[in-house]
Amino acid sequence: MMKPCVIEDQKAWDESRHKTEYFVKALAGKDLVLCLVSAAEYLGLCSCTMELMIYTLTKEECEREGLEITFDGDIWYTTVNQTINDLLEDDTIDEQVIQEALADQYYENNYANLTIKPENQKAFEHYKEWAEQYYIHK
């Protein structure tokens, strides 16, 4: 896992009504790719945090490492599959983010769109049961 760069843009934060708008204002026109928690927030896989931190990688790094990225006309971000694999791989990520992201995919399509990398399978199995019960006990 590559180490992401964490950026903050107080001006963009102050001018934004919601987190997605903040991401767009802070990253528009830059060759930076949302990743990890920031990508999960942008993709709607988890509740948005109230932190200014934006986790990014350069587009060049992503292409060199073969990471799945996409562009929506405003900014670059890792795909759902890539984001979830990255979250599972990083043992410093808040477990709540991983559980919400997996719960989202379970209830959307029983994980049908996910291809969990072999090295992340153990972490996936660890969170899977919690994710499947997430909305039942929330």
N, C-alpha and C. Protein backbone atom coordinates (compact mmCIF):
# COMPACT_ATOMS: atom_id res chain seq x y z
N MET A 1 0.85 -1.19 0.00
CA MET A 1 0.00 0.00 0.00
C MET A 1 0.88 1.24 0.00
N MET A 2 0.63 2.10 -0.94
CA MET A 2 1.36 3.36 -0.99
C MET A 2 0.86 4.28 0.13
N LYS A 3 1.74 5.11 0.61
CA LYS A 3 1.37 6.06 1.66
C LYS A 3 0.72 7.28 1.01
N PRO A 4 -0.53 7.57 1.36
CA PRO A 4 -1.19 8.73 0.76
C PRO A 4 -0.67 10.04 1.34
N CYS A 5 -0.85 11.07 0.57
CA CYS A 5 -0.57 12.42 1.03
C CYS A 5 -1.87 12.95 1.64
N VAL A 6 -1.77 13.61 2.76
CA VAL A 6 -2.95 14.19 3.40
C VAL A 6 -2.89 15.70 3.18
N ILE A 7 -3.94 16.22 2.56
CA ILE A 7 -4.00 17.66 2.34
C ILE A 7 -5.22 18.23 3.06
N GLU A 8 -5.16 19.51 3.34
CA GLU A 8 -6.27 20.24 3.93
C GLU A 8 -6.37 21.59 3.23
N ASP A 9 -7.58 22.05 3.00
CA ASP A 9 -7.78 23.33 2.34
C ASP A 9 -8.87 24.08 3.10
N GLN A 10 -8.47 24.88 4.06
CA GLN A 10 -9.42 25.58 4.91
C GLN A 10 -10.35 26.49 4.11
N LYS A 11 -9.81 27.18 3.10
CA LYS A 11 -10.63 28.08 2.29
C LYS A 11 -11.73 27.30 1.56
N ALA A 12 -11.35 26.18 0.93
CA ALA A 12 -12.34 25.35 0.23
C ALA A 12 -13.37 24.80 1.21
N TRP A 13 -12.91 24.42 2.41
CA TRP A 13 -13.82 23.89 3.44
C TRP A 13 -14.84 24.96 3.83
N ASP A 14 -14.36 26.17 4.06
CA ASP A 14 -15.24 27.26 4.48
C ASP A 14 -16.26 27.62 3.39
N GLU A 15 -15.90 27.41 2.14
CA GLU A 15 -16.77 27.77 1.01
C GLU A 15 -17.69 26.62 0.58
N SER A 16 -17.61 25.48 1.25
CA SER A 16 -18.37 24.30 0.84
C SER A 16 -19.55 24.04 1.77
N ARG A 17 -20.65 23.58 1.16
CA ARG A 17 -21.84 23.25 1.93
C ARG A 17 -21.82 21.81 2.43
N HIS A 18 -21.07 20.94 1.75
CA HIS A 18 -20.99 19.54 2.15
C HIS A 18 -19.64 18.97 1.74
N LYS A 19 -19.33 17.79 2.22
CA LYS A 19 -18.00 17.20 2.05
C LYS A 19 -17.67 16.95 0.57
N THR A 20 -18.61 16.48 -0.20
CA THR A 20 -18.35 16.23 -1.62
C THR A 20 -17.96 17.52 -2.33
N GLU A 21 -18.65 18.59 -2.03
CA GLU A 21 -18.31 19.89 -2.62
C GLU A 21 -16.90 20.31 -2.20
N TYR A 22 -16.55 20.04 -0.96
CA TYR A 22 -15.21 20.34 -0.46
C TYR A 22 -14.16 19.59 -1.27
N PHE A 23 -14.38 18.30 -1.50
CA PHE A 23 -13.43 17.52 -2.29
C PHE A 23 -13.25 18.13 -3.68
N VAL A 24 -14.35 18.47 -4.32
CA VAL A 24 -14.29 19.03 -5.67
C VAL A 24 -13.55 20.37 -5.67
N LYS A 25 -13.87 21.25 -4.74
CA LYS A 25 -13.20 22.56 -4.68
C LYS A 25 -11.71 22.41 -4.41
N ALA A 26 -11.35 21.49 -3.53
CA ALA A 26 -9.95 21.32 -3.14
C ALA A 26 -9.12 20.62 -4.22
N LEU A 27 -9.74 19.76 -5.02
CA LEU A 27 -8.97 18.94 -5.95
C LEU A 27 -9.20 19.23 -7.43
N ALA A 28 -10.20 20.02 -7.77
CA ALA A 28 -10.51 20.28 -9.18
C ALA A 28 -9.27 20.81 -9.91
N GLY A 29 -9.01 20.22 -11.06
CA GLY A 29 -7.89 20.67 -11.88
C GLY A 29 -6.54 20.14 -11.45
N LYS A 30 -6.51 19.29 -10.44
CA LYS A 30 -5.24 18.74 -9.95
C LYS A 30 -5.16 17.26 -10.32
N ASP A 31 -3.96 16.78 -10.52
CA ASP A 31 -3.77 15.36 -10.82
C ASP A 31 -3.63 14.55 -9.54
N LEU A 32 -4.57 14.78 -8.62
CA LEU A 32 -4.61 14.04 -7.37
C LEU A 32 -5.84 13.14 -7.37
N VAL A 33 -5.72 11.99 -6.73
CA VAL A 33 -6.77 10.98 -6.71
C VAL A 33 -7.21 10.76 -5.27
N LEU A 34 -8.51 10.91 -5.01
CA LEU A 34 -9.03 10.59 -3.68
C LEU A 34 -8.82 9.11 -3.41
N CYS A 35 -8.41 8.78 -2.19
CA CYS A 35 -8.23 7.37 -1.84
C CYS A 35 -8.65 7.15 -0.39
N LEU A 36 -8.64 5.90 0.01
CA LEU A 36 -8.95 5.48 1.38
C LEU A 36 -10.26 6.08 1.89
N VAL A 37 -10.25 6.66 3.08
CA VAL A 37 -11.47 7.19 3.70
C VAL A 37 -12.10 8.27 2.83
N SER A 38 -11.29 9.12 2.23
CA SER A 38 -11.83 10.20 1.40
C SER A 38 -12.59 9.64 0.19
N ALA A 39 -12.04 8.62 -0.45
CA ALA A 39 -12.74 7.99 -1.57
C ALA A 39 -14.03 7.33 -1.08
N ALA A 40 -13.97 6.67 0.07
CA ALA A 40 -15.17 6.03 0.62
C ALA A 40 -16.26 7.07 0.89
N GLU A 41 -15.88 8.22 1.42
CA GLU A 41 -16.85 9.29 1.67
C GLU A 41 -17.43 9.79 0.35
N TYR A 42 -16.57 10.05 -0.63
CA TYR A 42 -17.01 10.59 -1.92
C TYR A 42 -17.95 9.62 -2.63
N LEU A 43 -17.66 8.32 -2.50
CA LEU A 43 -18.47 7.29 -3.14
C LEU A 43 -19.74 6.97 -2.37
N GLY A 44 -19.91 7.56 -1.20
CA GLY A 44 -21.10 7.31 -0.39
C GLY A 44 -21.07 5.97 0.33
N LEU A 45 -19.88 5.41 0.51
CA LEU A 45 -19.75 4.11 1.16
C LEU A 45 -19.80 4.21 2.68
N CYS A 46 -19.61 5.41 3.21
CA CYS A 46 -19.62 5.59 4.66
C CYS A 46 -20.09 7.01 4.96
N SER A 47 -20.43 7.22 6.20
CA SER A 47 -20.83 8.56 6.65
C SER A 47 -19.63 9.49 6.53
N CYS A 48 -19.90 10.69 6.16
CA CYS A 48 -18.81 11.66 6.03
C CYS A 48 -18.33 12.11 7.40
N THR A 49 -17.04 12.25 7.50
CA THR A 49 -16.44 12.77 8.73
C THR A 49 -16.48 14.29 8.67
N MET A 50 -16.15 14.91 9.76
CA MET A 50 -16.11 16.37 9.80
C MET A 50 -14.67 16.87 9.79
N GLU A 51 -13.76 16.05 9.29
CA GLU A 51 -12.35 16.41 9.24
C GLU A 51 -12.01 17.06 7.91
N LEU A 52 -11.07 17.99 7.94
CA LEU A 52 -10.60 18.64 6.73
C LEU A 52 -9.65 17.75 5.93
N MET A 53 -9.12 16.71 6.54
CA MET A 53 -8.11 15.88 5.89
C MET A 53 -8.67 15.21 4.64
N ILE A 54 -7.89 15.30 3.56
CA ILE A 54 -8.23 14.62 2.31
C ILE A 54 -7.06 13.70 1.99
N TYR A 55 -7.35 12.40 1.88
CA TYR A 55 -6.32 11.43 1.54
C TYR A 55 -6.22 11.34 0.02
N THR A 56 -5.00 11.56 -0.49
CA THR A 56 -4.80 11.56 -1.94
C THR A 56 -3.53 10.81 -2.33
N LEU A 57 -3.53 10.37 -3.56
CA LEU A 57 -2.34 9.86 -4.24
C LEU A 57 -2.26 10.64 -5.54
N THR A 58 -1.09 10.66 -6.16
CA THR A 58 -1.02 11.30 -7.47
C THR A 58 -1.57 10.34 -8.52
N LYS A 59 -2.08 10.90 -9.58
CA LYS A 59 -2.59 10.08 -10.68
C LYS A 59 -1.47 9.21 -11.24
N GLU A 60 -0.28 9.77 -11.32
CA GLU A 60 0.88 9.04 -11.83
C GLU A 60 1.18 7.82 -10.95
N GLU A 61 1.15 7.99 -9.62
CA GLU A 61 1.38 6.87 -8.70
C GLU A 61 0.35 5.76 -8.93
N CYS A 62 -0.90 6.15 -9.05
CA CYS A 62 -1.98 5.18 -9.24
C CYS A 62 -1.79 4.40 -10.53
N GLU A 63 -1.47 5.10 -11.60
CA GLU A 63 -1.26 4.43 -12.88
C GLU A 63 -0.06 3.50 -12.83
N ARG A 64 1.02 3.95 -12.22
CA ARG A 64 2.23 3.15 -12.11
C ARG A 64 1.98 1.87 -11.30
N GLU A 65 1.18 1.97 -10.25
CA GLU A 65 0.90 0.82 -9.37
C GLU A 65 -0.29 -0.01 -9.84
N GLY A 66 -0.94 0.41 -10.92
CA GLY A 66 -2.08 -0.34 -11.45
C GLY A 66 -3.34 -0.25 -10.60
N LEU A 67 -3.50 0.85 -9.87
CA LEU A 67 -4.69 1.03 -9.06
C LEU A 67 -5.87 1.41 -9.95
N GLU A 68 -7.05 0.93 -9.58
CA GLU A 68 -8.27 1.23 -10.33
C GLU A 68 -8.75 2.63 -9.94
N ILE A 69 -8.75 3.55 -10.90
CA ILE A 69 -9.22 4.91 -10.64
C ILE A 69 -10.22 5.30 -11.71
N THR A 70 -11.01 6.31 -11.39
CA THR A 70 -12.00 6.80 -12.35
C THR A 70 -12.12 8.32 -12.19
N PHE A 71 -12.69 8.95 -13.20
CA PHE A 71 -12.87 10.40 -13.22
C PHE A 71 -14.33 10.67 -13.50
N ASP A 72 -14.96 11.53 -12.72
CA ASP A 72 -16.39 11.79 -12.91
C ASP A 72 -16.67 13.15 -13.54
N GLY A 73 -15.65 13.77 -14.10
CA GLY A 73 -15.82 15.09 -14.69
C GLY A 73 -15.35 16.20 -13.77
N ASP A 74 -15.26 15.90 -12.49
CA ASP A 74 -14.77 16.87 -11.51
C ASP A 74 -13.42 16.47 -10.93
N ILE A 75 -13.35 15.27 -10.39
CA ILE A 75 -12.12 14.82 -9.73
C ILE A 75 -11.88 13.33 -9.97
N TRP A 76 -10.65 12.92 -9.70
CA TRP A 76 -10.25 11.52 -9.77
C TRP A 76 -10.44 10.87 -8.40
N TYR A 77 -10.79 9.58 -8.39
CA TYR A 77 -10.92 8.83 -7.14
C TYR A 77 -10.76 7.35 -7.44
N THR A 78 -10.41 6.58 -6.41
CA THR A 78 -10.30 5.14 -6.61
C THR A 78 -11.70 4.55 -6.71
N THR A 79 -11.80 3.46 -7.47
CA THR A 79 -13.09 2.80 -7.65
C THR A 79 -13.56 2.19 -6.34
N VAL A 80 -14.82 1.76 -6.29
CA VAL A 80 -15.35 1.10 -5.10
C VAL A 80 -14.50 -0.11 -4.75
N ASN A 81 -14.21 -0.95 -5.73
CA ASN A 81 -13.42 -2.15 -5.49
C ASN A 81 -12.04 -1.80 -4.95
N GLN A 82 -11.37 -0.85 -5.57
CA GLN A 82 -10.03 -0.45 -5.13
C GLN A 82 -10.09 0.17 -3.74
N THR A 83 -11.08 1.02 -3.51
CA THR A 83 -11.21 1.68 -2.22
C THR A 83 -11.38 0.66 -1.09
N ILE A 84 -12.25 -0.30 -1.29
CA ILE A 84 -12.48 -1.30 -0.24
C ILE A 84 -11.24 -2.15 -0.02
N ASN A 85 -10.57 -2.55 -1.07
CA ASN A 85 -9.32 -3.30 -0.90
C ASN A 85 -8.28 -2.47 -0.16
N ASP A 86 -8.19 -1.19 -0.48
CA ASP A 86 -7.23 -0.32 0.21
C ASP A 86 -7.58 -0.17 1.69
N LEU A 87 -8.87 -0.03 2.00
CA LEU A 87 -9.29 0.07 3.40
C LEU A 87 -8.95 -1.20 4.16
N LEU A 88 -9.19 -2.34 3.54
CA LEU A 88 -8.90 -3.63 4.19
C LEU A 88 -7.41 -3.82 4.42
N GLU A 89 -6.61 -3.27 3.53
CA GLU A 89 -5.15 -3.43 3.61
C GLU A 89 -4.51 -2.54 4.67
N ASP A 90 -5.15 -1.43 5.00
CA ASP A 90 -4.57 -0.44 5.91
C ASP A 90 -5.09 -0.67 7.34
N ASP A 91 -4.24 -1.14 8.21
CA ASP A 91 -4.68 -1.45 9.57
C ASP A 91 -4.78 -0.23 10.48
N THR A 92 -4.61 0.97 9.92
CA THR A 92 -4.77 2.19 10.72
C THR A 92 -6.13 2.85 10.50
N ILE A 93 -6.92 2.30 9.58
CA ILE A 93 -8.21 2.89 9.24
C ILE A 93 -9.24 2.60 10.33
N ASP A 94 -10.07 3.57 10.61
CA ASP A 94 -11.16 3.41 11.57
C ASP A 94 -12.06 2.25 11.12
N GLU A 95 -12.27 1.28 11.99
CA GLU A 95 -13.08 0.11 11.64
C GLU A 95 -14.49 0.48 11.22
N GLN A 96 -15.02 1.56 11.74
CA GLN A 96 -16.37 2.00 11.38
C GLN A 96 -16.47 2.25 9.88
N VAL A 97 -15.45 2.86 9.30
CA VAL A 97 -15.45 3.14 7.86
C VAL A 97 -15.50 1.83 7.08
N ILE A 98 -14.69 0.86 7.47
CA ILE A 98 -14.65 -0.42 6.78
C ILE A 98 -16.00 -1.13 6.91
N GLN A 99 -16.56 -1.15 8.09
CA GLN A 99 -17.84 -1.82 8.30
C GLN A 99 -18.94 -1.18 7.46
N GLU A 100 -19.00 0.14 7.45
CA GLU A 100 -20.02 0.83 6.66
C GLU A 100 -19.84 0.56 5.17
N ALA A 101 -18.60 0.61 4.70
CA ALA A 101 -18.33 0.38 3.28
C ALA A 101 -18.73 -1.03 2.87
N LEU A 102 -18.37 -2.01 3.68
CA LEU A 102 -18.74 -3.39 3.37
C LEU A 102 -20.25 -3.60 3.51
N ALA A 103 -20.86 -3.01 4.52
CA ALA A 103 -22.31 -3.13 4.68
C ALA A 103 -23.03 -2.57 3.47
N ASP A 104 -22.56 -1.45 2.97
CA ASP A 104 -23.14 -0.84 1.77
C ASP A 104 -23.10 -1.81 0.60
N GLN A 105 -21.98 -2.45 0.40
CA GLN A 105 -21.84 -3.39 -0.71
C GLN A 105 -22.63 -4.67 -0.49
N TYR A 106 -22.73 -5.12 0.74
CA TYR A 106 -23.51 -6.32 1.05
C TYR A 106 -24.99 -6.08 0.75
N TYR A 107 -25.53 -4.98 1.24
CA TYR A 107 -26.95 -4.70 1.05
C TYR A 107 -27.27 -4.24 -0.37
N GLU A 108 -26.29 -3.71 -1.06
CA GLU A 108 -26.53 -3.30 -2.45
C GLU A 108 -26.59 -4.50 -3.39
N ASN A 109 -25.65 -5.44 -3.22
CA ASN A 109 -25.61 -6.55 -4.19
C ASN A 109 -24.86 -7.78 -3.68
N ASN A 110 -24.86 -7.98 -2.35
CA ASN A 110 -24.21 -9.15 -1.76
C ASN A 110 -22.75 -9.28 -2.20
N TYR A 111 -22.04 -8.17 -2.25
CA TYR A 111 -20.62 -8.09 -2.60
C TYR A 111 -20.33 -8.47 -4.06
N ALA A 112 -21.34 -8.51 -4.91
CA ALA A 112 -21.15 -9.00 -6.29
C ALA A 112 -20.13 -8.19 -7.08
N ASN A 113 -19.98 -6.91 -6.79
CA ASN A 113 -19.05 -6.08 -7.55
C ASN A 113 -17.64 -6.04 -6.97
N LEU A 114 -17.42 -6.77 -5.89
CA LEU A 114 -16.11 -6.74 -5.24
C LEU A 114 -15.26 -7.93 -5.64
N THR A 115 -14.00 -7.65 -5.87
CA THR A 115 -12.99 -8.68 -6.04
C THR A 115 -11.95 -8.42 -4.96
N ILE A 116 -12.04 -9.18 -3.90
CA ILE A 116 -11.13 -8.99 -2.77
C ILE A 116 -9.80 -9.66 -3.10
N LYS A 117 -8.74 -8.89 -2.97
CA LYS A 117 -7.40 -9.43 -3.24
C LYS A 117 -7.07 -10.52 -2.22
N PRO A 118 -6.33 -11.54 -2.63
CA PRO A 118 -5.99 -12.63 -1.70
C PRO A 118 -5.35 -12.14 -0.40
N GLU A 119 -4.50 -11.14 -0.49
CA GLU A 119 -3.83 -10.63 0.71
C GLU A 119 -4.78 -9.88 1.65
N ASN A 120 -5.99 -9.54 1.17
CA ASN A 120 -6.98 -8.85 1.99
C ASN A 120 -8.11 -9.77 2.46
N GLN A 121 -8.06 -11.02 2.04
CA GLN A 121 -9.15 -11.96 2.33
C GLN A 121 -9.36 -12.15 3.84
N LYS A 122 -8.28 -12.26 4.59
CA LYS A 122 -8.40 -12.46 6.04
C LYS A 122 -9.10 -11.26 6.69
N ALA A 123 -8.72 -10.06 6.31
CA ALA A 123 -9.37 -8.86 6.85
C ALA A 123 -10.83 -8.80 6.42
N PHE A 124 -11.11 -9.17 5.17
CA PHE A 124 -12.49 -9.20 4.68
C PHE A 124 -13.34 -10.15 5.52
N GLU A 125 -12.84 -11.35 5.76
CA GLU A 125 -13.57 -12.33 6.56
C GLU A 125 -13.79 -11.81 7.98
N HIS A 126 -12.81 -11.09 8.51
CA HIS A 126 -12.92 -10.52 9.85
C HIS A 126 -14.08 -9.52 9.94
N TYR A 127 -14.23 -8.66 8.95
CA TYR A 127 -15.26 -7.61 8.98
C TYR A 127 -16.59 -8.03 8.38
N LYS A 128 -16.60 -9.09 7.60
CA LYS A 128 -17.78 -9.49 6.82
C LYS A 128 -19.03 -9.69 7.70
N GLU A 129 -18.91 -10.46 8.77
CA GLU A 129 -20.08 -10.73 9.62
C GLU A 129 -20.61 -9.44 10.25
N TRP A 130 -19.70 -8.60 10.74
CA TRP A 130 -20.12 -7.32 11.31
C TRP A 130 -20.84 -6.48 10.27
N ALA A 131 -20.30 -6.46 9.06
CA ALA A 131 -20.89 -5.66 7.99
C ALA A 131 -22.30 -6.15 7.66
N GLU A 132 -22.47 -7.45 7.62
CA GLU A 132 -23.77 -8.02 7.26
C GLU A 132 -24.82 -7.78 8.34
N GLN A 133 -24.39 -7.54 9.55
CA GLN A 133 -25.30 -7.25 10.66
C GLN A 133 -25.42 -5.75 10.94
N TYR A 134 -24.66 -4.96 10.22
CA TYR A 134 -24.52 -3.53 10.53
C TYR A 134 -25.86 -2.79 10.61
N TYR A 135 -26.68 -2.91 9.59
CA TYR A 135 -27.93 -2.16 9.57
C TYR A 135 -29.01 -2.79 10.44
N ILE A 136 -28.84 -4.05 10.79
CA ILE A 136 -29.79 -4.72 11.68
C ILE A 136 -29.66 -4.17 13.09
N HIS A 137 -28.42 -3.92 13.51
CA HIS A 137 -28.15 -3.49 14.88
C HIS A 137 -27.93 -2.00 15.04
N LYS A 138 -27.99 -1.28 13.98
CA LYS A 138 -27.71 0.16 14.04
C LYS A 138 -28.85 0.91 14.70
